[in-house]
Amino acid sequence: MTFAETFKALSDPVRREILEILKQGPMSAGEIGAHFDMTGATISYHLKVLKQADLVFETREKNYIYYQLNTTVLEEILLWISELKGGDDHAERE
Protein backbone atom coordinates (compact mmCIF):
# COMPACT_ATOMS: atom_id res chain seq x y z
CA MET A 1 0.00 0.00 0.00
CA THR A 2 1.21 3.43 -0.85
CA PHE A 3 -0.37 6.71 0.08
CA ALA A 4 -0.67 7.49 -3.65
CA GLU A 5 -2.85 4.40 -4.18
CA THR A 6 -4.86 5.18 -1.09
CA PHE A 7 -5.53 8.79 -2.00
CA LYS A 8 -6.35 7.80 -5.59
CA ALA A 9 -8.88 5.28 -4.28
CA LEU A 10 -10.36 7.86 -1.91
CA SER A 11 -10.62 10.48 -4.67
CA ASP A 12 -13.70 8.83 -6.19
CA PRO A 13 -17.06 9.62 -4.53
CA VAL A 14 -18.47 6.15 -5.29
CA ARG A 15 -15.56 4.48 -3.53
CA ARG A 16 -15.94 6.80 -0.55
CA GLU A 17 -19.62 5.87 -0.40
CA ILE A 18 -18.74 2.16 -0.52
CA LEU A 19 -16.46 2.71 2.50
CA GLU A 20 -19.32 4.47 4.30
CA ILE A 21 -21.62 1.53 3.55
CA LEU A 22 -19.03 -0.96 4.82
CA LYS A 23 -18.97 0.80 8.20
CA GLN A 24 -22.13 -1.24 8.86
CA GLY A 25 -20.14 -4.48 8.58
CA PRO A 26 -19.08 -7.07 6.01
CA MET A 27 -21.17 -7.22 2.83
CA SER A 28 -21.17 -9.09 -0.45
CA ALA A 29 -20.67 -7.26 -3.73
CA GLY A 30 -24.37 -7.72 -4.44
CA GLU A 31 -25.36 -6.13 -1.13
CA ILE A 32 -23.03 -3.21 -1.82
CA GLY A 33 -24.28 -2.89 -5.39
CA ALA A 34 -27.90 -2.66 -4.18
CA HIS A 35 -27.06 0.85 -2.89
CA PHE A 36 -26.10 2.08 -6.36
CA ASP A 37 -27.62 2.42 -9.83
CA MET A 38 -24.70 0.86 -11.71
CA THR A 39 -23.66 -2.49 -13.12
CA GLY A 40 -22.11 -5.27 -11.09
CA ALA A 41 -18.97 -4.94 -13.21
CA THR A 42 -18.64 -1.29 -12.18
CA ILE A 43 -19.06 -2.18 -8.50
CA SER A 44 -16.44 -4.93 -8.92
CA TYR A 45 -14.04 -2.41 -10.45
CA HIS A 46 -14.46 -0.02 -7.51
CA LEU A 47 -14.00 -2.88 -5.03
CA LYS A 48 -10.84 -3.94 -6.87
CA VAL A 49 -9.39 -0.42 -6.57
CA LEU A 50 -10.28 -0.32 -2.86
CA LYS A 51 -8.64 -3.73 -2.34
CA GLN A 52 -5.47 -2.67 -4.16
CA ALA A 53 -5.27 0.33 -1.82
CA ASP A 54 -5.81 -1.98 1.18
CA LEU A 55 -8.89 -0.01 2.19
CA VAL A 56 -11.02 -3.15 2.12
CA PHE A 57 -10.28 -6.83 2.42
CA GLU A 58 -12.30 -9.84 1.46
CA THR A 59 -13.21 -13.07 3.16
CA ARG A 60 -14.73 -16.08 1.46
CA GLU A 61 -17.59 -18.08 2.90
CA LYS A 62 -18.86 -20.94 0.75
CA ASN A 63 -19.84 -19.35 -2.59
CA TYR A 64 -19.75 -15.75 -1.34
CA ILE A 65 -17.08 -13.11 -1.00
CA TYR A 66 -17.63 -10.56 1.74
CA TYR A 67 -15.92 -7.19 1.76
CA GLN A 68 -14.95 -5.46 4.97
CA LEU A 69 -13.48 -2.09 5.84
CA ASN A 70 -9.77 -2.14 6.71
CA THR A 71 -9.47 0.53 9.38
CA THR A 72 -5.73 -0.03 9.83
CA VAL A 73 -4.92 1.86 6.63
CA LEU A 74 -7.22 4.70 7.59
CA GLU A 75 -5.55 4.91 11.00
CA GLU A 76 -2.13 5.12 9.32
CA ILE A 77 -3.34 7.98 7.13
CA LEU A 78 -4.80 9.84 10.09
CA LEU A 79 -1.57 9.39 12.02
CA TRP A 80 0.47 10.69 9.09
CA ILE A 81 -1.83 13.73 8.69
CA SER A 82 -1.68 14.37 12.43
CA GLU A 83 2.13 14.25 12.39
CA LEU A 84 2.22 16.47 9.33
CA LYS A 85 -0.05 18.98 11.03
CA GLY A 86 2.03 18.89 14.19
CA GLY A 87 0.91 18.12 17.69
CA ASP A 88 0.23 20.33 20.70
CA ASP A 89 3.97 20.50 21.45
CA HIS A 90 4.54 22.29 18.16
CA ALA A 91 1.77 24.80 18.84
CA GLU A 92 3.17 25.58 22.28
CA ARG A 93 6.58 26.49 20.83
CA GLU A 94 5.13 29.17 18.55
C-alpha atoms as a PDB file:
ATOM      1  CA  MET A   1       0.000   0.000   0.000  1.00  0.00           C
ATOM      2  CA  THR A   2       1.213   3.434  -0.852  1.00  0.00           C
ATOM      3  CA  PHE A   3      -0.367   6.710   0.082  1.00  0.00           C
ATOM      4  CA  ALA A   4      -0.673   7.494  -3.645  1.00  0.00           C
ATOM      5  CA  GLU A   5      -2.849   4.400  -4.182  1.00  0.00           C
ATOM      6  CA  THR A   6      -4.858   5.181  -1.091  1.00  0.00           C
ATOM      7  CA  PHE A   7      -5.531   8.791  -2.004  1.00  0.00           C
ATOM      8  CA  LYS A   8      -6.352   7.800  -5.592  1.00  0.00           C
ATOM      9  CA  ALA A   9      -8.879   5.278  -4.280  1.00  0.00           C
ATOM     10  CA  LEU A  10     -10.361   7.858  -1.912  1.00  0.00           C
ATOM     11  CA  SER A  11     -10.622  10.480  -4.669  1.00  0.00           C
ATOM     12  CA  ASP A  12     -13.699   8.835  -6.189  1.00  0.00           C
ATOM     13  CA  PRO A  13     -17.056   9.618  -4.530  1.00  0.00           C
ATOM     14  CA  VAL A  14     -18.469   6.148  -5.294  1.00  0.00           C
ATOM     15  CA  ARG A  15     -15.559   4.479  -3.526  1.00  0.00           C
ATOM     16  CA  ARG A  16     -15.936   6.796  -0.547  1.00  0.00           C
ATOM     17  CA  GLU A  17     -19.622   5.872  -0.401  1.00  0.00           C
ATOM     18  CA  ILE A  18     -18.736   2.161  -0.524  1.00  0.00           C
ATOM     19  CA  LEU A  19     -16.458   2.713   2.497  1.00  0.00           C
ATOM     20  CA  GLU A  20     -19.322   4.472   4.299  1.00  0.00           C
ATOM     21  CA  ILE A  21     -21.617   1.530   3.549  1.00  0.00           C
ATOM     22  CA  LEU A  22     -19.027  -0.956   4.817  1.00  0.00           C
ATOM     23  CA  LYS A  23     -18.974   0.803   8.202  1.00  0.00           C
ATOM     24  CA  GLN A  24     -22.135  -1.243   8.858  1.00  0.00           C
ATOM     25  CA  GLY A  25     -20.137  -4.480   8.578  1.00  0.00           C
ATOM     26  CA  PRO A  26     -19.083  -7.068   6.008  1.00  0.00           C
ATOM     27  CA  MET A  27     -21.170  -7.224   2.830  1.00  0.00           C
ATOM     28  CA  SER A  28     -21.168  -9.092  -0.450  1.00  0.00           C
ATOM     29  CA  ALA A  29     -20.665  -7.261  -3.732  1.00  0.00           C
ATOM     30  CA  GLY A  30     -24.370  -7.716  -4.438  1.00  0.00           C
ATOM     31  CA  GLU A  31     -25.355  -6.133  -1.132  1.00  0.00           C
ATOM     32  CA  ILE A  32     -23.026  -3.209  -1.824  1.00  0.00           C
ATOM     33  CA  GLY A  33     -24.283  -2.886  -5.386  1.00  0.00           C
ATOM     34  CA  ALA A  34     -27.898  -2.661  -4.176  1.00  0.00           C
ATOM     35  CA  HIS A  35     -27.060   0.846  -2.892  1.00  0.00           C
ATOM     36  CA  PHE A  36     -26.098   2.076  -6.365  1.00  0.00           C
ATOM     37  CA  ASP A  37     -27.616   2.418  -9.830  1.00  0.00           C
ATOM     38  CA  MET A  38     -24.696   0.856 -11.711  1.00  0.00           C
ATOM     39  CA  THR A  39     -23.661  -2.492 -13.121  1.00  0.00           C
ATOM     40  CA  GLY A  40     -22.114  -5.271 -11.094  1.00  0.00           C
ATOM     41  CA  ALA A  41     -18.973  -4.938 -13.214  1.00  0.00           C
ATOM     42  CA  THR A  42     -18.637  -1.288 -12.178  1.00  0.00           C
ATOM     43  CA  ILE A  43     -19.063  -2.184  -8.497  1.00  0.00           C
ATOM     44  CA  SER A  44     -16.444  -4.928  -8.919  1.00  0.00           C
ATOM     45  CA  TYR A  45     -14.042  -2.407 -10.451  1.00  0.00           C
ATOM     46  CA  HIS A  46     -14.459  -0.022  -7.515  1.00  0.00           C
ATOM     47  CA  LEU A  47     -14.000  -2.876  -5.027  1.00  0.00           C
ATOM     48  CA  LYS A  48     -10.836  -3.939  -6.871  1.00  0.00           C
ATOM     49  CA  VAL A  49      -9.387  -0.420  -6.565  1.00  0.00           C
ATOM     50  CA  LEU A  50     -10.275  -0.323  -2.856  1.00  0.00           C
ATOM     51  CA  LYS A  51      -8.641  -3.733  -2.338  1.00  0.00           C
ATOM     52  CA  GLN A  52      -5.471  -2.667  -4.157  1.00  0.00           C
ATOM     53  CA  ALA A  53      -5.268   0.331  -1.822  1.00  0.00           C
ATOM     54  CA  ASP A  54      -5.814  -1.981   1.184  1.00  0.00           C
ATOM     55  CA  LEU A  55      -8.885  -0.006   2.192  1.00  0.00           C
ATOM     56  CA  VAL A  56     -11.025  -3.154   2.124  1.00  0.00           C
ATOM     57  CA  PHE A  57     -10.281  -6.828   2.422  1.00  0.00           C
ATOM     58  CA  GLU A  58     -12.299  -9.845   1.458  1.00  0.00           C
ATOM     59  CA  THR A  59     -13.215 -13.066   3.160  1.00  0.00           C
ATOM     60  CA  ARG A  60     -14.726 -16.076   1.455  1.00  0.00           C
ATOM     61  CA  GLU A  61     -17.592 -18.078   2.900  1.00  0.00           C
ATOM     62  CA  LYS A  62     -18.863 -20.940   0.753  1.00  0.00           C
ATOM     63  CA  ASN A  63     -19.843 -19.346  -2.588  1.00  0.00           C
ATOM     64  CA  TYR A  64     -19.750 -15.746  -1.343  1.00  0.00           C
ATOM     65  CA  ILE A  65     -17.076 -13.109  -0.998  1.00  0.00           C
ATOM     66  CA  TYR A  66     -17.632 -10.559   1.741  1.00  0.00           C
ATOM     67  CA  TYR A  67     -15.919  -7.186   1.758  1.00  0.00           C
ATOM     68  CA  GLN A  68     -14.955  -5.458   4.967  1.00  0.00           C
ATOM     69  CA  LEU A  69     -13.477  -2.089   5.837  1.00  0.00           C
ATOM     70  CA  ASN A  70      -9.769  -2.138   6.710  1.00  0.00           C
ATOM     71  CA  THR A  71      -9.474   0.525   9.382  1.00  0.00           C
ATOM     72  CA  THR A  72      -5.728  -0.031   9.826  1.00  0.00           C
ATOM     73  CA  VAL A  73      -4.917   1.860   6.626  1.00  0.00           C
ATOM     74  CA  LEU A  74      -7.225   4.704   7.587  1.00  0.00           C
ATOM     75  CA  GLU A  75      -5.551   4.913  10.998  1.00  0.00           C
ATOM     76  CA  GLU A  76      -2.133   5.120   9.324  1.00  0.00           C
ATOM     77  CA  ILE A  77      -3.336   7.984   7.126  1.00  0.00           C
ATOM     78  CA  LEU A  78      -4.802   9.842  10.090  1.00  0.00           C
ATOM     79  CA  LEU A  79      -1.570   9.385  12.024  1.00  0.00           C
ATOM     80  CA  TRP A  80       0.467  10.695   9.090  1.00  0.00           C
ATOM     81  CA  ILE A  81      -1.829  13.728   8.694  1.00  0.00           C
ATOM     82  CA  SER A  82      -1.684  14.368  12.435  1.00  0.00           C
ATOM     83  CA  GLU A  83       2.126  14.250  12.385  1.00  0.00           C
ATOM     84  CA  LEU A  84       2.217  16.474   9.325  1.00  0.00           C
ATOM     85  CA  LYS A  85      -0.053  18.978  11.026  1.00  0.00           C
ATOM     86  CA  GLY A  86       2.027  18.886  14.189  1.00  0.00           C
ATOM     87  CA  GLY A  87       0.914  18.117  17.685  1.00  0.00           C
ATOM     88  CA  ASP A  88       0.234  20.327  20.702  1.00  0.00           C
ATOM     89  CA  ASP A  89       3.968  20.497  21.451  1.00  0.00           C
ATOM     90  CA  HIS A  90       4.541  22.290  18.155  1.00  0.00           C
ATOM     91  CA  ALA A  91       1.769  24.799  18.838  1.00  0.00           C
ATOM     92  CA  GLU A  92       3.174  25.582  22.284  1.00  0.00           C
ATOM     93  CA  ARG A  93       6.583  26.494  20.830  1.00  0.00           C
ATOM     94  CA  GLU A  94       5.132  29.172  18.547  1.00  0.00           C
END
